[in-house]
Structures are given as structure tokens and as C-alpha cells.
Amino acid sequence: MALDLKAEWAKLNDSISYPQASLVVNGTLAKNKTFIDTLTDVVKANDQWILDNYDKVGELLKDKGSMLTANFTKEMIESCNIKSVLAKDAEIAVNAYLRCLTSIIRRL
């Protein structure tokens, strides 16, 4: 491995993880507590399914039309740091990430 991005990020940001993806819900759905609770439960269950079924991920992706042909191992999936976090619980990490991006953009 040439560079462990997670390790380097942690050195520069007091071990705060960095956000890699987001799911945004707005409008009427964002005000629907039942929808938000259900969505949150489904996303967290999906996280766990991936961790528990790492050996099935490649085939599932292929079935869904992915061109990815990796044979996923437990170690590969664990290194992906698959973990859904509510925005209110990720605020510090998101702000650190945005500060870093802003700093880079200003240098361009």
C-alpha cells in the first residue's frame, strides 16, 4: 500500500474520521419521523448485512449491474469502515473535513 489515507487523515485531525458519503433527505420526508426512523433502521441493517455477508457482496453487486469483479474478503470490507452515522453525531468530523477541503480550494 502506497498510502493509508485513513491513517494520514487521523494524524492531521486528532483521529477524527472523515465522511465518505452522505444521504440527504429534505422537504416533507425530512419532517416525517416514521420515515426517518425507518430509513435509519434500514441503512444500519444494510451496514450490518455487508459486514456479516462480505463473501456475498461481490455477487450482489454483479447482479445489480456492477462491473466490479473483486472477491471481497472480511479484511477488505472491514477496511472500508462501513458505518452509518446520523448527522448530529458526525458534526465534528464533517466540519473538520469541510475545513480541510476549504483550505485546499483556497490554495488552488
N, C-alpha and C. Protein backbone atom coordinates (compact mmCIF):
# COMPACT_ATOMS: atom_id res chain seq x y z
N MET A 1 0.85 -1.16 0.00
CA MET A 1 0.00 0.00 0.00
C MET A 1 0.90 1.24 0.00
N ALA A 2 0.64 2.14 -0.91
CA ALA A 2 1.45 3.35 -1.02
C ALA A 2 1.13 4.35 0.09
N LEU A 3 -0.13 4.46 0.44
CA LEU A 3 -0.55 5.44 1.44
C LEU A 3 -1.84 4.98 2.09
N ASP A 4 -1.86 5.01 3.40
CA ASP A 4 -3.08 4.70 4.14
C ASP A 4 -3.77 6.02 4.44
N LEU A 5 -4.74 6.38 3.61
CA LEU A 5 -5.41 7.67 3.72
C LEU A 5 -6.06 7.85 5.09
N LYS A 6 -6.66 6.79 5.62
CA LYS A 6 -7.31 6.91 6.94
C LYS A 6 -6.29 7.24 8.02
N ALA A 7 -5.13 6.59 7.97
CA ALA A 7 -4.10 6.83 8.99
C ALA A 7 -3.53 8.24 8.87
N GLU A 8 -3.30 8.68 7.64
CA GLU A 8 -2.76 10.03 7.43
C GLU A 8 -3.76 11.09 7.86
N TRP A 9 -5.02 10.88 7.54
CA TRP A 9 -6.07 11.82 7.95
C TRP A 9 -6.13 11.90 9.47
N ALA A 10 -6.07 10.76 10.12
CA ALA A 10 -6.14 10.72 11.59
C ALA A 10 -4.98 11.48 12.22
N LYS A 11 -3.78 11.39 11.62
CA LYS A 11 -2.62 12.13 12.16
C LYS A 11 -2.85 13.64 12.10
N LEU A 12 -3.49 14.10 11.06
CA LEU A 12 -3.69 15.53 10.86
C LEU A 12 -4.93 16.07 11.55
N ASN A 13 -5.82 15.18 11.98
CA ASN A 13 -7.12 15.62 12.50
C ASN A 13 -7.49 14.96 13.82
N ASP A 14 -6.53 14.76 14.68
CA ASP A 14 -6.79 14.23 16.02
C ASP A 14 -7.64 12.97 16.01
N SER A 15 -7.36 12.07 15.09
CA SER A 15 -8.03 10.78 14.97
C SER A 15 -9.50 10.88 14.61
N ILE A 16 -9.95 12.05 14.16
CA ILE A 16 -11.34 12.19 13.71
C ILE A 16 -11.46 11.54 12.34
N SER A 17 -12.46 10.71 12.15
CA SER A 17 -12.66 10.07 10.85
C SER A 17 -13.16 11.10 9.85
N TYR A 18 -13.14 10.74 8.60
CA TYR A 18 -13.65 11.66 7.59
C TYR A 18 -14.88 11.06 6.90
N PRO A 19 -15.85 11.91 6.59
CA PRO A 19 -17.06 11.41 5.93
C PRO A 19 -16.75 11.02 4.49
N GLN A 20 -17.33 9.92 4.05
CA GLN A 20 -17.05 9.45 2.70
C GLN A 20 -18.27 9.49 1.81
N ALA A 21 -19.43 9.60 2.39
CA ALA A 21 -20.67 9.65 1.60
C ALA A 21 -21.75 10.26 2.48
N SER A 22 -22.81 10.71 1.84
CA SER A 22 -23.91 11.24 2.62
C SER A 22 -25.23 10.90 1.94
N LEU A 23 -26.25 10.88 2.74
CA LEU A 23 -27.62 10.68 2.29
C LEU A 23 -28.42 11.84 2.85
N VAL A 24 -29.01 12.62 1.96
CA VAL A 24 -29.73 13.81 2.37
C VAL A 24 -31.22 13.61 2.11
N VAL A 25 -32.01 13.92 3.11
CA VAL A 25 -33.47 13.87 2.98
C VAL A 25 -33.98 15.26 3.32
N ASN A 26 -34.77 15.83 2.44
CA ASN A 26 -35.31 17.15 2.75
C ASN A 26 -36.79 17.22 2.40
N GLY A 27 -37.35 18.37 2.61
CA GLY A 27 -38.76 18.56 2.30
C GLY A 27 -39.67 17.81 3.26
N THR A 28 -40.77 17.36 2.72
CA THR A 28 -41.80 16.68 3.52
C THR A 28 -41.26 15.43 4.20
N LEU A 29 -40.44 14.67 3.48
CA LEU A 29 -39.91 13.43 4.07
C LEU A 29 -39.05 13.70 5.30
N ALA A 30 -38.31 14.79 5.29
CA ALA A 30 -37.44 15.10 6.42
C ALA A 30 -38.25 15.38 7.69
N LYS A 31 -39.49 15.78 7.53
CA LYS A 31 -40.35 16.08 8.68
C LYS A 31 -41.14 14.86 9.14
N ASN A 32 -41.04 13.77 8.38
CA ASN A 32 -41.80 12.56 8.68
C ASN A 32 -40.95 11.64 9.56
N LYS A 33 -41.19 11.70 10.88
CA LYS A 33 -40.37 10.94 11.84
C LYS A 33 -40.42 9.44 11.56
N THR A 34 -41.57 8.92 11.19
CA THR A 34 -41.68 7.49 10.89
C THR A 34 -40.77 7.12 9.71
N PHE A 35 -40.80 7.94 8.67
CA PHE A 35 -39.95 7.68 7.51
C PHE A 35 -38.47 7.73 7.90
N ILE A 36 -38.07 8.78 8.63
CA ILE A 36 -36.67 8.93 9.01
C ILE A 36 -36.21 7.77 9.90
N ASP A 37 -37.04 7.39 10.86
CA ASP A 37 -36.69 6.27 11.74
C ASP A 37 -36.55 4.97 10.95
N THR A 38 -37.46 4.74 10.02
CA THR A 38 -37.42 3.52 9.20
C THR A 38 -36.19 3.54 8.30
N LEU A 39 -35.94 4.67 7.65
CA LEU A 39 -34.77 4.78 6.79
C LEU A 39 -33.49 4.53 7.56
N THR A 40 -33.39 5.13 8.73
CA THR A 40 -32.21 4.95 9.58
C THR A 40 -32.03 3.47 9.94
N ASP A 41 -33.09 2.81 10.33
CA ASP A 41 -33.02 1.39 10.68
C ASP A 41 -32.59 0.54 9.48
N VAL A 42 -33.13 0.83 8.30
CA VAL A 42 -32.80 0.06 7.10
C VAL A 42 -31.34 0.27 6.71
N VAL A 43 -30.86 1.50 6.77
CA VAL A 43 -29.47 1.78 6.41
C VAL A 43 -28.51 1.09 7.39
N LYS A 44 -28.82 1.15 8.67
CA LYS A 44 -27.96 0.48 9.66
C LYS A 44 -28.00 -1.04 9.50
N ALA A 45 -29.17 -1.58 9.16
CA ALA A 45 -29.27 -3.02 8.91
C ALA A 45 -28.45 -3.39 7.68
N ASN A 46 -28.44 -2.53 6.68
CA ASN A 46 -27.63 -2.77 5.49
C ASN A 46 -26.14 -2.79 5.83
N ASP A 47 -25.71 -1.84 6.67
CA ASP A 47 -24.32 -1.84 7.13
C ASP A 47 -23.97 -3.20 7.73
N GLN A 48 -24.83 -3.68 8.62
CA GLN A 48 -24.56 -4.94 9.30
C GLN A 48 -24.58 -6.11 8.33
N TRP A 49 -25.50 -6.10 7.37
CA TRP A 49 -25.58 -7.18 6.37
C TRP A 49 -24.27 -7.26 5.60
N ILE A 50 -23.74 -6.12 5.20
CA ILE A 50 -22.47 -6.11 4.45
C ILE A 50 -21.36 -6.70 5.30
N LEU A 51 -21.28 -6.30 6.56
CA LEU A 51 -20.24 -6.82 7.44
C LEU A 51 -20.39 -8.33 7.68
N ASP A 52 -21.63 -8.78 7.81
CA ASP A 52 -21.88 -10.20 8.08
C ASP A 52 -21.81 -11.08 6.83
N ASN A 53 -21.98 -10.49 5.66
CA ASN A 53 -22.07 -11.25 4.41
C ASN A 53 -21.05 -10.77 3.38
N TYR A 54 -19.86 -10.41 3.84
CA TYR A 54 -18.83 -9.88 2.96
C TYR A 54 -18.58 -10.76 1.74
N ASP A 55 -18.73 -12.07 1.91
CA ASP A 55 -18.47 -13.01 0.82
C ASP A 55 -19.57 -12.99 -0.25
N LYS A 56 -20.68 -12.35 0.03
CA LYS A 56 -21.79 -12.27 -0.93
C LYS A 56 -21.87 -10.91 -1.62
N VAL A 57 -21.08 -9.95 -1.15
CA VAL A 57 -21.16 -8.58 -1.67
C VAL A 57 -20.84 -8.53 -3.16
N GLY A 58 -19.77 -9.18 -3.58
CA GLY A 58 -19.37 -9.15 -4.99
C GLY A 58 -20.46 -9.68 -5.92
N GLU A 59 -21.07 -10.77 -5.54
CA GLU A 59 -22.13 -11.36 -6.37
C GLU A 59 -23.36 -10.44 -6.41
N LEU A 60 -23.70 -9.85 -5.28
CA LEU A 60 -24.83 -8.92 -5.24
C LEU A 60 -24.58 -7.71 -6.15
N LEU A 61 -23.38 -7.17 -6.08
CA LEU A 61 -23.05 -6.03 -6.94
C LEU A 61 -23.14 -6.42 -8.41
N LYS A 62 -22.63 -7.61 -8.73
CA LYS A 62 -22.70 -8.09 -10.11
C LYS A 62 -24.16 -8.23 -10.55
N ASP A 63 -24.99 -8.78 -9.70
CA ASP A 63 -26.42 -8.94 -10.01
C ASP A 63 -27.11 -7.60 -10.24
N LYS A 64 -26.59 -6.56 -9.61
CA LYS A 64 -27.18 -5.21 -9.75
C LYS A 64 -26.55 -4.44 -10.91
N GLY A 65 -25.68 -5.10 -11.68
CA GLY A 65 -25.11 -4.46 -12.87
C GLY A 65 -23.73 -3.86 -12.70
N SER A 66 -23.11 -4.06 -11.55
CA SER A 66 -21.78 -3.51 -11.33
C SER A 66 -20.75 -4.25 -12.18
N MET A 67 -19.75 -3.52 -12.64
CA MET A 67 -18.64 -4.11 -13.39
C MET A 67 -17.50 -4.51 -12.45
N LEU A 68 -17.65 -4.23 -11.17
CA LEU A 68 -16.64 -4.55 -10.17
C LEU A 68 -16.53 -6.06 -10.04
N THR A 69 -15.32 -6.58 -10.12
CA THR A 69 -15.15 -8.03 -10.10
C THR A 69 -14.31 -8.51 -8.91
N ALA A 70 -14.21 -7.71 -7.87
CA ALA A 70 -13.41 -8.10 -6.71
C ALA A 70 -14.05 -9.25 -5.95
N ASN A 71 -13.20 -10.10 -5.40
CA ASN A 71 -13.64 -11.12 -4.45
C ASN A 71 -13.42 -10.53 -3.06
N PHE A 72 -14.48 -10.04 -2.47
CA PHE A 72 -14.36 -9.34 -1.20
C PHE A 72 -14.02 -10.30 -0.07
N THR A 73 -13.08 -9.89 0.74
CA THR A 73 -12.71 -10.63 1.94
C THR A 73 -13.20 -9.85 3.15
N LYS A 74 -13.19 -10.51 4.29
CA LYS A 74 -13.59 -9.85 5.52
C LYS A 74 -12.70 -8.63 5.78
N GLU A 75 -11.40 -8.78 5.56
CA GLU A 75 -10.46 -7.70 5.79
C GLU A 75 -10.74 -6.50 4.87
N MET A 76 -11.07 -6.79 3.60
CA MET A 76 -11.38 -5.70 2.66
C MET A 76 -12.60 -4.92 3.13
N ILE A 77 -13.64 -5.63 3.51
CA ILE A 77 -14.87 -4.96 3.94
C ILE A 77 -14.63 -4.18 5.23
N GLU A 78 -13.91 -4.77 6.17
CA GLU A 78 -13.64 -4.07 7.43
C GLU A 78 -12.83 -2.81 7.20
N SER A 79 -11.92 -2.83 6.23
CA SER A 79 -11.10 -1.65 5.96
C SER A 79 -11.90 -0.53 5.29
N CYS A 80 -13.09 -0.85 4.80
CA CYS A 80 -13.95 0.17 4.18
C CYS A 80 -14.62 1.06 5.23
N ASN A 81 -14.55 0.65 6.48
CA ASN A 81 -15.11 1.45 7.58
C ASN A 81 -16.59 1.75 7.34
N ILE A 82 -17.34 0.73 7.00
CA ILE A 82 -18.77 0.89 6.72
C ILE A 82 -19.50 1.12 8.03
N LYS A 83 -20.01 2.34 8.17
CA LYS A 83 -20.71 2.69 9.40
C LYS A 83 -21.56 3.92 9.13
N SER A 84 -22.83 3.80 9.25
CA SER A 84 -23.72 4.94 9.07
C SER A 84 -23.83 5.70 10.38
N VAL A 85 -23.76 7.02 10.26
CA VAL A 85 -23.78 7.89 11.43
C VAL A 85 -24.78 9.00 11.16
N LEU A 86 -25.61 9.30 12.12
CA LEU A 86 -26.55 10.41 11.99
C LEU A 86 -25.77 11.73 11.94
N ALA A 87 -26.30 12.70 11.22
CA ALA A 87 -25.63 13.99 11.05
C ALA A 87 -25.27 14.62 12.40
N LYS A 88 -26.19 14.54 13.34
CA LYS A 88 -25.93 15.16 14.65
C LYS A 88 -24.74 14.51 15.36
N ASP A 89 -24.44 13.26 15.03
CA ASP A 89 -23.32 12.55 15.64
C ASP A 89 -22.04 12.67 14.82
N ALA A 90 -22.14 13.26 13.63
CA ALA A 90 -20.98 13.37 12.75
C ALA A 90 -20.53 14.81 12.56
N GLU A 91 -21.12 15.72 13.30
CA GLU A 91 -20.86 17.15 13.07
C GLU A 91 -19.38 17.51 13.18
N ILE A 92 -18.68 17.01 14.17
CA ILE A 92 -17.27 17.34 14.34
C ILE A 92 -16.46 16.84 13.15
N ALA A 93 -16.70 15.60 12.73
CA ALA A 93 -15.96 15.03 11.61
C ALA A 93 -16.28 15.76 10.30
N VAL A 94 -17.53 16.08 10.09
CA VAL A 94 -17.92 16.79 8.86
C VAL A 94 -17.30 18.17 8.83
N ASN A 95 -17.33 18.88 9.93
CA ASN A 95 -16.74 20.22 9.97
C ASN A 95 -15.24 20.17 9.73
N ALA A 96 -14.54 19.19 10.30
CA ALA A 96 -13.10 19.04 10.06
C ALA A 96 -12.84 18.77 8.58
N TYR A 97 -13.64 17.93 7.99
CA TYR A 97 -13.49 17.59 6.58
C TYR A 97 -13.73 18.83 5.70
N LEU A 98 -14.77 19.58 5.99
CA LEU A 98 -15.07 20.78 5.21
C LEU A 98 -13.99 21.84 5.37
N ARG A 99 -13.43 21.99 6.58
CA ARG A 99 -12.33 22.93 6.78
C ARG A 99 -11.12 22.53 5.92
N CYS A 100 -10.84 21.25 5.88
CA CYS A 100 -9.72 20.76 5.08
C CYS A 100 -9.97 21.05 3.59
N LEU A 101 -11.14 20.73 3.10
CA LEU A 101 -11.46 21.00 1.70
C LEU A 101 -11.39 22.47 1.38
N THR A 102 -11.91 23.31 2.26
CA THR A 102 -11.85 24.76 2.05
C THR A 102 -10.41 25.24 1.98
N SER A 103 -9.58 24.70 2.83
CA SER A 103 -8.16 25.07 2.84
C SER A 103 -7.49 24.70 1.51
N ILE A 104 -7.81 23.54 1.02
CA ILE A 104 -7.23 23.08 -0.26
C ILE A 104 -7.71 23.97 -1.40
N ILE A 105 -9.00 24.25 -1.42
CA ILE A 105 -9.57 25.07 -2.50
C ILE A 105 -8.94 26.47 -2.51
N ARG A 106 -8.71 27.02 -1.36
CA ARG A 106 -8.11 28.36 -1.27
C ARG A 106 -6.70 28.38 -1.83
N ARG A 107 -6.02 27.26 -1.78
CA ARG A 107 -4.64 27.18 -2.30
C ARG A 107 -4.59 27.01 -3.82
N LEU A 108 -5.70 26.63 -4.41
CA LEU A 108 -5.72 26.39 -5.86
C LEU A 108 -5.69 27.66 -6.66
